[in-house]
Amino acid sequence: MPASITTVRRILLAAATAAGLLLPAAVQAHAKHGQPQHGGLVAEAGAFQGELVAKGRQLTLYVTNHGEPLAMAGGSAKATLLAGADKSELAFAPAGANQLTATSPAPLAAGTKAVVTVKLPNGRSGNLRFEIK
């Protein structure tokens, strides 16, 4: 029996060491969760997060899952923009690994609210809510 106890201890030690090596990567990914990585606004939609970057008329939406990019090839998004009494809609198209882009007729003014409905390539969807600052 002493050999089996030693084997169990070795297995437990190996498992603890492996967990310790993986932990820093998990902590780093979680540190990015909810934090803007591109200077935009971040919102959560349950299974994924989005960061909306508005530069002039160009809107870019970066889609992630706990800080890790989600591939958006085959995905789509539509934004409903509310600026005072004005309402408009924009369609986003895939533009990179985890990016979707759209062009607004005019730069978004501070206070504009955006509700972005995102459809992931796997068919899941969710809504992201932003307020332009």
Protein backbone atom coordinates (compact mmCIF):
# COMPACT_ATOMS: atom_id res chain seq x y z
CA MET A 1 0.00 0.00 0.00
CA PRO A 2 2.75 2.55 0.58
CA ALA A 3 3.44 2.58 -3.16
CA SER A 4 -0.16 3.53 -3.94
CA ILE A 5 -0.15 6.36 -1.38
CA THR A 6 3.04 7.71 -2.94
CA THR A 7 1.47 7.48 -6.40
CA VAL A 8 -1.64 9.34 -5.21
CA ARG A 9 0.54 12.06 -3.66
CA ARG A 10 2.50 12.43 -6.92
CA ILE A 11 -0.71 12.70 -8.92
CA LEU A 12 -2.10 15.32 -6.54
CA LEU A 13 1.17 17.27 -6.63
CA ALA A 14 1.21 17.18 -10.45
CA ALA A 15 -2.42 18.35 -10.62
CA ALA A 16 -1.75 21.22 -8.20
CA THR A 17 1.32 22.26 -10.19
CA ALA A 18 -0.63 22.22 -13.46
CA ALA A 19 -3.43 24.29 -11.94
CA GLY A 20 -0.90 26.78 -10.63
CA LEU A 21 0.63 27.18 -14.08
CA LEU A 22 -2.77 27.76 -15.73
CA LEU A 23 -4.06 30.20 -13.13
CA PRO A 24 -2.08 33.28 -14.27
CA ALA A 25 -3.51 32.98 -17.83
CA ALA A 26 -7.05 32.71 -16.46
CA VAL A 27 -6.50 35.69 -14.14
CA GLN A 28 -5.11 37.77 -17.02
CA ALA A 29 -8.06 36.93 -19.29
CA HIS A 30 -10.49 37.78 -16.48
CA ALA A 31 -8.67 41.08 -15.86
CA LYS A 32 -9.56 42.11 -19.45
CA HIS A 33 -13.21 41.16 -18.90
CA GLY A 34 -15.33 44.30 -18.75
CA GLN A 35 -12.38 46.61 -19.46
CA PRO A 36 -12.14 48.55 -22.73
CA GLN A 37 -9.26 47.25 -24.85
CA HIS A 38 -9.74 49.67 -27.77
CA GLY A 39 -10.77 52.91 -26.03
CA GLY A 40 -14.51 52.31 -26.42
CA LEU A 41 -17.55 51.56 -24.29
CA VAL A 42 -18.11 48.05 -22.90
CA ALA A 43 -21.44 46.25 -22.43
CA GLU A 44 -22.38 42.71 -21.45
CA ALA A 45 -24.88 40.38 -23.16
CA GLY A 46 -24.71 37.32 -20.93
CA ALA A 47 -22.57 34.88 -22.94
CA PHE A 48 -20.45 37.59 -24.55
CA GLN A 49 -19.30 41.19 -24.24
CA GLY A 50 -19.01 43.98 -26.78
CA GLU A 51 -16.85 47.09 -26.98
CA LEU A 52 -18.21 49.85 -29.20
CA VAL A 53 -15.67 52.31 -30.59
CA ALA A 54 -17.07 55.39 -32.37
CA LYS A 55 -14.56 57.45 -34.37
CA GLY A 56 -16.25 60.05 -36.52
CA ARG A 57 -18.84 58.19 -38.57
CA GLN A 58 -17.08 54.81 -38.25
CA LEU A 59 -18.40 52.40 -35.60
CA THR A 60 -16.45 49.28 -34.69
CA LEU A 61 -17.82 46.58 -32.41
CA TYR A 62 -15.32 44.16 -30.84
CA VAL A 63 -16.93 40.97 -29.52
CA THR A 64 -15.29 38.94 -26.74
CA ASN A 65 -16.01 36.23 -24.21
CA HIS A 66 -14.33 36.95 -20.87
CA GLY A 67 -11.65 39.03 -22.59
CA GLU A 68 -10.96 36.49 -25.35
CA PRO A 69 -11.88 37.47 -28.94
CA LEU A 70 -14.89 35.70 -30.46
CA ALA A 71 -14.61 35.00 -34.19
CA MET A 72 -17.38 36.93 -35.96
CA ALA A 73 -17.06 35.58 -39.53
CA GLY A 74 -20.67 34.65 -40.31
CA GLY A 75 -21.99 36.83 -37.49
CA SER A 76 -23.93 40.07 -37.74
CA ALA A 77 -25.21 43.00 -35.71
CA LYS A 78 -27.78 45.76 -36.00
CA ALA A 79 -27.78 48.97 -33.97
CA THR A 80 -30.79 51.05 -33.07
CA LEU A 81 -29.60 54.60 -32.32
CA LEU A 82 -31.66 56.99 -30.22
CA ALA A 83 -30.58 60.64 -30.17
CA GLY A 84 -33.27 62.75 -28.56
CA ALA A 85 -36.42 62.19 -30.65
CA ASP A 86 -34.42 60.83 -33.61
CA LYS A 87 -34.22 57.09 -34.21
CA SER A 88 -32.09 55.34 -36.82
CA GLU A 89 -30.77 51.87 -37.55
CA LEU A 90 -27.38 50.69 -38.78
CA ALA A 91 -26.32 47.27 -40.01
CA PHE A 92 -22.88 45.99 -39.02
CA ALA A 93 -20.81 43.64 -41.15
CA PRO A 94 -17.87 41.41 -40.17
CA ALA A 95 -14.58 43.28 -40.59
CA GLY A 96 -11.93 41.22 -38.83
CA ALA A 97 -11.39 38.37 -36.42
CA ASN A 98 -13.76 39.62 -33.72
CA GLN A 99 -14.87 42.89 -35.30
CA LEU A 100 -17.99 44.22 -36.95
CA THR A 101 -18.19 47.69 -38.51
CA ALA A 102 -20.87 50.14 -39.60
CA THR A 103 -20.89 53.68 -40.92
CA SER A 104 -23.24 56.25 -39.42
CA PRO A 105 -24.66 59.07 -41.57
CA ALA A 106 -23.21 61.51 -39.01
CA PRO A 107 -20.86 61.27 -36.00
CA LEU A 108 -22.68 60.10 -32.87
CA ALA A 109 -23.39 62.92 -30.45
CA ALA A 110 -22.83 62.61 -26.71
CA GLY A 111 -25.92 61.16 -25.06
CA THR A 112 -26.87 59.00 -28.06
CA LYS A 113 -28.11 55.63 -26.88
CA ALA A 114 -27.28 52.53 -28.92
CA VAL A 115 -28.91 49.14 -28.58
CA VAL A 116 -26.88 46.65 -30.61
CA THR A 117 -28.41 43.26 -31.36
CA VAL A 118 -25.60 40.80 -32.08
CA LYS A 119 -26.03 37.43 -33.75
CA LEU A 120 -23.01 35.19 -33.19
CA PRO A 121 -21.89 32.76 -35.92
CA ASN A 122 -23.20 29.85 -33.78
CA GLY A 123 -26.73 31.34 -33.90
CA ARG A 124 -26.83 32.68 -30.34
CA SER A 125 -27.75 36.32 -29.96
CA GLY A 126 -27.89 39.07 -27.38
CA ASN A 127 -28.34 42.81 -26.92
CA LEU A 128 -25.68 45.28 -25.89
CA ARG A 129 -26.67 48.72 -24.56
CA PHE A 130 -24.36 51.74 -24.81
CA GLU A 131 -24.60 55.47 -24.17
CA ILE A 132 -22.15 57.60 -26.16
CA LYS A 133 -20.14 59.96 -23.97
